[in-house]
Amino acid sequence: MSEKFIKHKHILQYEDAQLKNVKLGITTREAGFSPFPHDAFNMARYIDDVQQNITKHQQALAKVIQIPREQWVFPIQTHENKVVEITADDKGTNIDILTDRLHGIDAMFTYESDILLTMCYADCVPIYFFSEKHHFIALAHAGWRGTVGQIVNEVIAKIDFDLGDLNIVIGPATSPTYEINDDIKSKFESLPIESDRYVFTRDQDRHGIDLKIANALLLEYAGVPSENIYITDYATSEDLSLFFSYRVEKGNTGRMLAYIGQ
């Protein structure tokens, strides 16, 4: 399968012939103003960075993707599995300044136009949902907690059309070098999918896990055809020239912004 995330200035953009009105992608860490360690394109207002840096990066991204910041929506993520529907009333939320709105939200969906759903990442899995036929888009943030909480299936539960019309894109996230212990492994073993397809035991109390595959399997279990699911080869923990990685950089790093709009 050829890679469909194509590199442009500031972003990796998903490109496919089936896309007509939907735009989706993720920012890179290159060519910015933030000190992570230098010239980094940080998109998160909630970390220790000069706020004007994030505004400059937002403005640069808006120019590249040609969607004004006034149409963007950003929730306050908390590694849970709560999903919310976004409407025109939400446009601009948490873009210029962080507020209490959309707190504790790790997935969003909308059937409306002229809205850009956005969330920050630095190893967790960005999962994009779209159906141009039904004018539907969604974005989910799945770390290990969100994956165990089956956040993708929480999004699926909000869909009222045939899942054969739904397309999924699983974006850049940590590679299977990501390790979990026995306790977390047992949580994954409680899911309704085969854990040995994405958990790899390395040593006592040490297991590698492929969160991208885990979420793809959960989506298939929910009824999404496997041929409708695309998984990128890009891994945040493997290319620090392109991505921020919270684990590799021990938390002292910026965040990429995943986005999807129509």
C-alpha atoms as a PDB file:
ATOM      1  CA  MET A   1       0.000   0.000   0.000  1.00  0.00           C
ATOM      2  CA  SER A   2       1.512   3.332  -1.041  1.00  0.00           C
ATOM      3  CA  GLU A   3       1.770   6.109   1.534  1.00  0.00           C
ATOM      4  CA  LYS A   4      -1.107   8.581   1.218  1.00  0.00           C
ATOM      5  CA  PHE A   5       0.169  11.177   3.682  1.00  0.00           C
ATOM      6  CA  ILE A   6       2.121  13.539   1.437  1.00  0.00           C
ATOM      7  CA  LYS A   7       4.564  16.064   2.860  1.00  0.00           C
ATOM      8  CA  HIS A   8       4.003  19.758   2.206  1.00  0.00           C
ATOM      9  CA  LYS A   9       5.209  22.824   4.081  1.00  0.00           C
ATOM     10  CA  HIS A  10       4.239  22.437   7.768  1.00  0.00           C
ATOM     11  CA  ILE A  11       1.974  19.406   7.143  1.00  0.00           C
ATOM     12  CA  LEU A  12       1.473  15.845   6.046  1.00  0.00           C
ATOM     13  CA  GLN A  13      -1.733  15.926   4.022  1.00  0.00           C
ATOM     14  CA  TYR A  14      -3.791  12.849   3.217  1.00  0.00           C
ATOM     15  CA  GLU A  15      -4.298  12.655  -0.515  1.00  0.00           C
ATOM     16  CA  ASP A  16      -6.624  10.222  -2.256  1.00  0.00           C
ATOM     17  CA  ALA A  17      -8.720  10.344  -5.421  1.00  0.00           C
ATOM     18  CA  GLN A  18     -11.890   9.648  -3.422  1.00  0.00           C
ATOM     19  CA  LEU A  19     -11.557  12.952  -1.529  1.00  0.00           C
ATOM     20  CA  LYS A  20     -13.438  15.824  -3.124  1.00  0.00           C
ATOM     21  CA  ASN A  21     -14.539  18.153  -0.316  1.00  0.00           C
ATOM     22  CA  VAL A  22     -12.817  16.776   2.786  1.00  0.00           C
ATOM     23  CA  LYS A  23      -9.367  17.983   3.849  1.00  0.00           C
ATOM     24  CA  LEU A  24      -7.389  16.087   6.460  1.00  0.00           C
ATOM     25  CA  GLY A  25      -3.832  15.946   7.683  1.00  0.00           C
ATOM     26  CA  ILE A  26      -1.440  16.607  10.536  1.00  0.00           C
ATOM     27  CA  THR A  27       1.211  19.224  11.159  1.00  0.00           C
ATOM     28  CA  THR A  28       4.907  18.412  11.415  1.00  0.00           C
ATOM     29  CA  ARG A  29       7.424  19.888  13.861  1.00  0.00           C
ATOM     30  CA  GLU A  30       9.436  21.704  11.198  1.00  0.00           C
ATOM     31  CA  ALA A  31       9.960  25.422  10.535  1.00  0.00           C
ATOM     32  CA  GLY A  32       8.296  27.005  13.544  1.00  0.00           C
ATOM     33  CA  PHE A  33       9.079  29.419  16.383  1.00  0.00           C
ATOM     34  CA  SER A  34       8.891  27.183  19.476  1.00  0.00           C
ATOM     35  CA  PRO A  35      11.888  25.980  21.560  1.00  0.00           C
ATOM     36  CA  PHE A  36      11.452  22.185  21.248  1.00  0.00           C
ATOM     37  CA  PRO A  37      14.469  22.192  21.035  1.00  0.00           C
ATOM     38  CA  HIS A  38      14.430  25.012  18.465  1.00  0.00           C
ATOM     39  CA  ASP A  39      12.427  26.241  15.460  1.00  0.00           C
ATOM     40  CA  ALA A  40       9.590  23.831  16.277  1.00  0.00           C
ATOM     41  CA  PHE A  41       6.026  24.105  14.962  1.00  0.00           C
ATOM     42  CA  ASN A  42       4.224  23.519  18.271  1.00  0.00           C
ATOM     43  CA  MET A  43       0.421  23.733  18.042  1.00  0.00           C
ATOM     44  CA  ALA A  44      -0.552  23.321  21.726  1.00  0.00           C
ATOM     45  CA  ARG A  45      -1.475  26.321  23.897  1.00  0.00           C
ATOM     46  CA  TYR A  46      -1.569  24.165  27.039  1.00  0.00           C
ATOM     47  CA  ILE A  47       2.188  23.567  27.303  1.00  0.00           C
ATOM     48  CA  ASP A  48       5.012  25.925  28.311  1.00  0.00           C
ATOM     49  CA  ASP A  49       5.368  28.014  25.175  1.00  0.00           C
ATOM     50  CA  VAL A  50       4.894  31.642  24.182  1.00  0.00           C
ATOM     51  CA  GLN A  51       1.251  32.005  23.183  1.00  0.00           C
ATOM     52  CA  GLN A  52       2.127  34.155  20.189  1.00  0.00           C
ATOM     53  CA  ASN A  53       4.151  31.243  18.798  1.00  0.00           C
ATOM     54  CA  ILE A  54       1.029  29.100  18.613  1.00  0.00           C
ATOM     55  CA  THR A  55      -0.945  31.927  17.022  1.00  0.00           C
ATOM     56  CA  LYS A  56       1.746  32.339  14.355  1.00  0.00           C
ATOM     57  CA  HIS A  57       1.687  28.600  13.692  1.00  0.00           C
ATOM     58  CA  GLN A  58      -2.107  28.599  13.436  1.00  0.00           C
ATOM     59  CA  GLN A  59      -1.951  31.461  10.967  1.00  0.00           C
ATOM     60  CA  ALA A  60       0.648  29.612   8.888  1.00  0.00           C
ATOM     61  CA  LEU A  61      -1.429  26.443   8.874  1.00  0.00           C
ATOM     62  CA  ALA A  62      -4.593  28.336   7.951  1.00  0.00           C
ATOM     63  CA  LYS A  63      -2.763  29.755   4.939  1.00  0.00           C
ATOM     64  CA  VAL A  64      -1.487  26.340   3.836  1.00  0.00           C
ATOM     65  CA  ILE A  65      -4.809  24.506   4.111  1.00  0.00           C
ATOM     66  CA  GLN A  66      -6.920  27.558   3.186  1.00  0.00           C
ATOM     67  CA  ILE A  67      -9.333  27.197   6.100  1.00  0.00           C
ATOM     68  CA  PRO A  68      -9.522  30.288   8.350  1.00  0.00           C
ATOM     69  CA  ARG A  69      -8.925  29.926  12.087  1.00  0.00           C
ATOM     70  CA  GLU A  70     -12.432  31.241  12.751  1.00  0.00           C
ATOM     71  CA  GLN A  71     -13.772  27.892  11.502  1.00  0.00           C
ATOM     72  CA  TRP A  72     -11.540  25.743  13.733  1.00  0.00           C
ATOM     73  CA  VAL A  73     -12.678  23.883  16.859  1.00  0.00           C
ATOM     74  CA  PHE A  74     -10.319  22.522  19.528  1.00  0.00           C
ATOM     75  CA  PRO A  75     -11.398  20.501  22.591  1.00  0.00           C
ATOM     76  CA  ILE A  76      -9.528  20.034  25.862  1.00  0.00           C
ATOM     77  CA  GLN A  77      -8.446  16.389  25.702  1.00  0.00           C
ATOM     78  CA  THR A  78      -8.185  14.224  28.824  1.00  0.00           C
ATOM     79  CA  HIS A  79      -7.393  10.724  27.474  1.00  0.00           C
ATOM     80  CA  GLU A  80     -10.946   9.485  27.969  1.00  0.00           C
ATOM     81  CA  ASN A  81     -13.609   8.316  25.511  1.00  0.00           C
ATOM     82  CA  LYS A  82     -16.168  11.117  25.447  1.00  0.00           C
ATOM     83  CA  VAL A  83     -17.551  12.145  22.045  1.00  0.00           C
ATOM     84  CA  VAL A  84     -19.412  15.350  21.179  1.00  0.00           C
ATOM     85  CA  GLU A  85     -21.241  16.670  18.129  1.00  0.00           C
ATOM     86  CA  ILE A  86     -19.886  19.970  16.840  1.00  0.00           C
ATOM     87  CA  THR A  87     -22.045  22.671  15.260  1.00  0.00           C
ATOM     88  CA  ALA A  88     -21.462  26.135  13.854  1.00  0.00           C
ATOM     89  CA  ASP A  89     -21.920  27.546  17.370  1.00  0.00           C
ATOM     90  CA  ASP A  90     -18.646  25.862  18.390  1.00  0.00           C
ATOM     91  CA  LYS A  91     -16.471  27.463  15.722  1.00  0.00           C
ATOM     92  CA  GLY A  92     -13.465  29.278  17.207  1.00  0.00           C
ATOM     93  CA  THR A  93     -13.574  27.377  20.503  1.00  0.00           C
ATOM     94  CA  ASN A  94     -10.154  27.299  22.230  1.00  0.00           C
ATOM     95  CA  ILE A  95      -8.345  28.677  19.179  1.00  0.00           C
ATOM     96  CA  ASP A  96      -7.269  32.153  20.346  1.00  0.00           C
ATOM     97  CA  ILE A  97      -7.364  31.287  24.041  1.00  0.00           C
ATOM     98  CA  LEU A  98      -8.177  28.187  26.081  1.00  0.00           C
ATOM     99  CA  THR A  99     -11.542  28.159  27.853  1.00  0.00           C
ATOM    100  CA  ASP A 100     -13.699  25.720  29.833  1.00  0.00           C
ATOM    101  CA  ARG A 101     -15.694  24.804  26.725  1.00  0.00           C
ATOM    102  CA  LEU A 102     -15.390  21.278  25.262  1.00  0.00           C
ATOM    103  CA  HIS A 103     -13.391  20.080  28.278  1.00  0.00           C
ATOM    104  CA  GLY A 104     -12.829  16.336  28.613  1.00  0.00           C
ATOM    105  CA  ILE A 105     -13.535  15.617  24.952  1.00  0.00           C
ATOM    106  CA  ASP A 106     -11.369  13.203  22.956  1.00  0.00           C
ATOM    107  CA  ALA A 107     -13.518  12.796  19.860  1.00  0.00           C
ATOM    108  CA  MET A 108     -15.734  15.097  17.820  1.00  0.00           C
ATOM    109  CA  PHE A 109     -18.031  14.719  14.832  1.00  0.00           C
ATOM    110  CA  THR A 110     -20.141  16.955  12.631  1.00  0.00           C
ATOM    111  CA  TYR A 111     -22.438  16.851   9.627  1.00  0.00           C
ATOM    112  CA  GLU A 112     -21.976  20.582   8.998  1.00  0.00           C
ATOM    113  CA  SER A 113     -19.788  22.399   6.468  1.00  0.00           C
ATOM    114  CA  ASP A 114     -17.118  25.044   7.033  1.00  0.00           C
ATOM    115  CA  ILE A 115     -15.891  23.477  10.282  1.00  0.00           C
ATOM    116  CA  LEU A 116     -12.358  22.232  10.942  1.00  0.00           C
ATOM    117  CA  LEU A 117     -12.079  19.666  13.750  1.00  0.00           C
ATOM    118  CA  THR A 118      -8.641  19.816  15.385  1.00  0.00           C
ATOM    119  CA  MET A 119      -6.786  18.034  18.208  1.00  0.00           C
ATOM    120  CA  CYS A 120      -3.178  17.814  19.420  1.00  0.00           C
ATOM    121  CA  TYR A 121      -0.961  14.720  19.377  1.00  0.00           C
ATOM    122  CA  ALA A 122       2.565  13.608  20.231  1.00  0.00           C
ATOM    123  CA  ASP A 123       2.422   9.757  20.087  1.00  0.00           C
ATOM    124  CA  CYS A 124      -1.304   9.045  20.549  1.00  0.00           C
ATOM    125  CA  VAL A 125      -3.241   7.926  17.496  1.00  0.00           C
ATOM    126  CA  PRO A 126      -5.155  10.444  15.373  1.00  0.00           C
ATOM    127  CA  ILE A 127      -8.132   8.687  13.799  1.00  0.00           C
ATOM    128  CA  TYR A 128     -10.052  10.449  11.047  1.00  0.00           C
ATOM    129  CA  PHE A 129     -13.552   9.407   9.951  1.00  0.00           C
ATOM    130  CA  PHE A 130     -15.321  10.682   6.843  1.00  0.00           C
ATOM    131  CA  SER A 131     -18.177   9.970   4.487  1.00  0.00           C
ATOM    132  CA  GLU A 132     -18.568  12.473   1.689  1.00  0.00           C
ATOM    133  CA  LYS A 133     -21.825  10.754   0.702  1.00  0.00           C
ATOM    134  CA  HIS A 134     -23.342  11.548   4.101  1.00  0.00           C
ATOM    135  CA  HIS A 135     -21.463  14.809   4.721  1.00  0.00           C
ATOM    136  CA  PHE A 136     -19.920  13.374   7.903  1.00  0.00           C
ATOM    137  CA  ILE A 137     -16.508  13.930   9.460  1.00  0.00           C
ATOM    138  CA  ALA A 138     -15.049  12.995  12.855  1.00  0.00           C
ATOM    139  CA  LEU A 139     -11.714  13.035  14.642  1.00  0.00           C
ATOM    140  CA  ALA A 140     -10.619  10.893  17.612  1.00  0.00           C
ATOM    141  CA  HIS A 141      -7.603  10.950  19.942  1.00  0.00           C
ATOM    142  CA  ALA A 142      -6.622   7.437  21.043  1.00  0.00           C
ATOM    143  CA  GLY A 143      -3.777   6.826  23.450  1.00  0.00           C
ATOM    144  CA  TRP A 144      -3.709   3.540  25.326  1.00  0.00           C
ATOM    145  CA  ARG A 145      -6.524   4.712  27.627  1.00  0.00           C
ATOM    146  CA  GLY A 146      -8.702   5.869  24.754  1.00  0.00           C
ATOM    147  CA  THR A 147      -8.039   2.643  22.896  1.00  0.00           C
ATOM    148  CA  VAL A 148      -8.976   0.513  25.922  1.00  0.00           C
ATOM    149  CA  GLY A 149     -12.037   2.752  26.286  1.00  0.00           C
ATOM    150  CA  GLN A 150     -12.916   1.940  22.656  1.00  0.00           C
ATOM    151  CA  ILE A 151     -13.243   5.582  21.706  1.00  0.00           C
ATOM    152  CA  VAL A 152     -13.494   4.631  18.035  1.00  0.00           C
ATOM    153  CA  ASN A 153     -16.584   2.565  18.785  1.00  0.00           C
ATOM    154  CA  GLU A 154     -18.049   5.482  20.738  1.00  0.00           C
ATOM    155  CA  VAL A 155     -17.748   7.499  17.520  1.00  0.00           C
ATOM    156  CA  ILE A 156     -19.277   4.664  15.470  1.00  0.00           C
ATOM    157  CA  ALA A 157     -22.259   4.671  17.842  1.00  0.00           C
ATOM    158  CA  LYS A 158     -23.047   8.232  16.722  1.00  0.00           C
ATOM    159  CA  ILE A 159     -23.300   7.278  13.043  1.00  0.00           C
ATOM    160  CA  ASP A 160     -26.726   6.762  11.520  1.00  0.00           C
ATOM    161  CA  PHE A 161     -25.730   5.509   8.053  1.00  0.00           C
ATOM    162  CA  ASP A 162     -24.324   2.279   6.577  1.00  0.00           C
ATOM    163  CA  LEU A 163     -20.722   1.752   7.707  1.00  0.00           C
ATOM    164  CA  GLY A 164     -19.880   0.649   4.198  1.00  0.00           C
ATOM    165  CA  ASP A 165     -20.060   4.367   3.351  1.00  0.00           C
ATOM    166  CA  LEU A 166     -17.553   5.295   6.075  1.00  0.00           C
ATOM    167  CA  ASN A 167     -13.817   5.739   5.477  1.00  0.00           C
ATOM    168  CA  ILE A 168     -11.189   5.698   8.207  1.00  0.00           C
ATOM    169  CA  VAL A 169      -7.663   7.101   8.166  1.00  0.00           C
ATOM    170  CA  ILE A 170      -5.309   6.148  11.007  1.00  0.00           C
ATOM    171  CA  GLY A 171      -2.565   8.741  11.158  1.00  0.00           C
ATOM    172  CA  PRO A 172       0.999   9.045  12.497  1.00  0.00           C
ATOM    173  CA  ALA A 173       1.439   7.671  16.019  1.00  0.00           C
ATOM    174  CA  THR A 174       4.006   5.848  18.111  1.00  0.00           C
ATOM    175  CA  SER A 175       5.425   2.609  16.741  1.00  0.00           C
ATOM    176  CA  PRO A 176       5.298  -0.778  18.530  1.00  0.00           C
ATOM    177  CA  THR A 177       8.408   0.354  20.430  1.00  0.00           C
ATOM    178  CA  TYR A 178       5.759   1.793  22.807  1.00  0.00           C
ATOM    179  CA  GLU A 179       5.807  -0.471  25.867  1.00  0.00           C
ATOM    180  CA  ILE A 180       3.155  -1.428  28.410  1.00  0.00           C
ATOM    181  CA  ASN A 181       3.278  -3.539  31.566  1.00  0.00           C
ATOM    182  CA  ASP A 182       1.299  -6.612  32.581  1.00  0.00           C
ATOM    183  CA  ASP A 183      -1.465  -4.569  34.204  1.00  0.00           C
ATOM    184  CA  ILE A 184      -2.143  -2.528  31.076  1.00  0.00           C
ATOM    185  CA  LYS A 185      -1.779  -5.627  28.890  1.00  0.00           C
ATOM    186  CA  SER A 186      -4.584  -7.272  30.880  1.00  0.00           C
ATOM    187  CA  LYS A 187      -6.849  -4.316  30.079  1.00  0.00           C
ATOM    188  CA  PHE A 188      -6.249  -4.819  26.374  1.00  0.00           C
ATOM    189  CA  GLU A 189      -6.916  -8.539  26.703  1.00  0.00           C
ATOM    190  CA  SER A 190     -10.428  -7.675  27.879  1.00  0.00           C
ATOM    191  CA  LEU A 191     -11.247  -6.065  24.510  1.00  0.00           C
ATOM    192  CA  PRO A 192     -13.293  -8.020  21.922  1.00  0.00           C
ATOM    193  CA  ILE A 193     -10.325  -8.328  19.537  1.00  0.00           C
ATOM    194  CA  GLU A 194      -7.318 -10.671  19.395  1.00  0.00           C
ATOM    195  CA  SER A 195      -4.595  -9.086  21.526  1.00  0.00           C
ATOM    196  CA  ASP A 196      -1.830 -11.221  20.024  1.00  0.00           C
ATOM    197  CA  ARG A 197      -2.307  -9.343  16.735  1.00  0.00           C
ATOM    198  CA  TYR A 198      -1.074  -6.081  18.262  1.00  0.00           C
ATOM    199  CA  VAL A 199       0.616  -6.892  21.630  1.00  0.00           C
ATOM    200  CA  PHE A 200       4.133  -8.353  21.541  1.00  0.00           C
ATOM    201  CA  THR A 201       5.742  -9.695  24.724  1.00  0.00           C
ATOM    202  CA  ARG A 202       9.432  -8.804  24.995  1.00  0.00           C
ATOM    203  CA  ASP A 203      10.351  -9.638  28.566  1.00  0.00           C
ATOM    204  CA  GLN A 204       8.876 -10.030  32.002  1.00  0.00           C
ATOM    205  CA  ASP A 205       6.302  -7.245  32.499  1.00  0.00           C
ATOM    206  CA  ARG A 206       7.336  -5.662  29.161  1.00  0.00           C
ATOM    207  CA  HIS A 207       5.146  -5.735  26.083  1.00  0.00           C
ATOM    208  CA  GLY A 208       5.264  -3.747  22.867  1.00  0.00           C
ATOM    209  CA  ILE A 209       1.920  -2.570  21.532  1.00  0.00           C
ATOM    210  CA  ASP A 210       0.758  -1.306  18.140  1.00  0.00           C
ATOM    211  CA  LEU A 211      -2.047   1.124  18.942  1.00  0.00           C
ATOM    212  CA  LYS A 212      -2.731   1.805  15.271  1.00  0.00           C
ATOM    213  CA  ILE A 213      -3.502  -1.866  14.632  1.00  0.00           C
ATOM    214  CA  ALA A 214      -5.543  -2.151  17.842  1.00  0.00           C
ATOM    215  CA  ASN A 215      -7.825   0.689  16.748  1.00  0.00           C
ATOM    216  CA  ALA A 216      -8.148  -0.731  13.244  1.00  0.00           C
ATOM    217  CA  LEU A 217      -9.239  -4.073  14.723  1.00  0.00           C
ATOM    218  CA  LEU A 218     -11.781  -2.333  16.964  1.00  0.00           C
ATOM    219  CA  LEU A 219     -13.199  -0.532  13.942  1.00  0.00           C
ATOM    220  CA  GLU A 220     -13.475  -3.789  12.026  1.00  0.00           C
ATOM    221  CA  TYR A 221     -15.181  -5.388  15.019  1.00  0.00           C
ATOM    222  CA  ALA A 222     -17.685  -2.509  14.990  1.00  0.00           C
ATOM    223  CA  GLY A 223     -18.519  -3.237  11.360  1.00  0.00           C
ATOM    224  CA  VAL A 224     -16.260  -0.992   9.291  1.00  0.00           C
ATOM    225  CA  PRO A 225     -15.021  -2.915   6.218  1.00  0.00           C
ATOM    226  CA  SER A 226     -11.265  -3.512   6.429  1.00  0.00           C
ATOM    227  CA  GLU A 227     -10.811  -2.142   2.907  1.00  0.00           C
ATOM    228  CA  ASN A 228     -12.225   1.198   4.143  1.00  0.00           C
ATOM    229  CA  ILE A 229      -9.450   1.587   6.739  1.00  0.00           C
ATOM    230  CA  TYR A 230      -6.126   3.169   5.796  1.00  0.00           C
ATOM    231  CA  ILE A 231      -3.161   2.990   8.195  1.00  0.00           C
ATOM    232  CA  THR A 232      -0.146   5.229   7.619  1.00  0.00           C
ATOM    233  CA  ASP A 233       3.384   3.875   7.959  1.00  0.00           C
ATOM    234  CA  TYR A 234       4.539   7.108   9.611  1.00  0.00           C
ATOM    235  CA  ALA A 235       5.533   6.650  13.273  1.00  0.00           C
ATOM    236  CA  THR A 236       6.060   9.594  15.610  1.00  0.00           C
ATOM    237  CA  SER A 237       8.617   7.803  17.775  1.00  0.00           C
ATOM    238  CA  GLU A 238      10.779   6.873  14.772  1.00  0.00           C
ATOM    239  CA  ASP A 239      11.343  10.270  13.124  1.00  0.00           C
ATOM    240  CA  LEU A 240      12.057  13.162  15.495  1.00  0.00           C
ATOM    241  CA  SER A 241      13.026  15.387  12.582  1.00  0.00           C
ATOM    242  CA  LEU A 242       9.380  15.300  11.476  1.00  0.00           C
ATOM    243  CA  PHE A 243       7.321  14.588  14.611  1.00  0.00           C
ATOM    244  CA  PHE A 244       7.118  15.368  18.306  1.00  0.00           C
ATOM    245  CA  SER A 245       7.231  12.256  20.528  1.00  0.00           C
ATOM    246  CA  TYR A 246       6.124  12.640  24.130  1.00  0.00           C
ATOM    247  CA  ARG A 247       7.677   9.359  25.225  1.00  0.00           C
ATOM    248  CA  VAL A 248      10.990   9.609  23.390  1.00  0.00           C
ATOM    249  CA  GLU A 249      11.468  13.237  24.425  1.00  0.00           C
ATOM    250  CA  LYS A 250      10.265  12.548  27.978  1.00  0.00           C
ATOM    251  CA  GLY A 251       7.478  15.116  27.861  1.00  0.00           C
ATOM    252  CA  ASN A 252       9.713  18.075  26.946  1.00  0.00           C
ATOM    253  CA  THR A 253       8.277  18.537  23.497  1.00  0.00           C
ATOM    254  CA  GLY A 254       5.579  20.219  21.434  1.00  0.00           C
ATOM    255  CA  ARG A 255       2.435  18.826  19.843  1.00  0.00           C
ATOM    256  CA  MET A 256       1.261  18.277  16.292  1.00  0.00           C
ATOM    257  CA  LEU A 257      -2.240  19.286  15.260  1.00  0.00           C
ATOM    258  CA  ALA A 258      -4.417  16.797  13.400  1.00  0.00           C
ATOM    259  CA  TYR A 259      -7.288  18.309  11.452  1.00  0.00           C
ATOM    260  CA  ILE A 260     -10.225  17.345   9.287  1.00  0.00           C
ATOM    261  CA  GLY A 261     -12.728  19.664   7.656  1.00  0.00           C
ATOM    262  CA  GLN A 262     -15.329  19.903   4.925  1.00  0.00           C
END
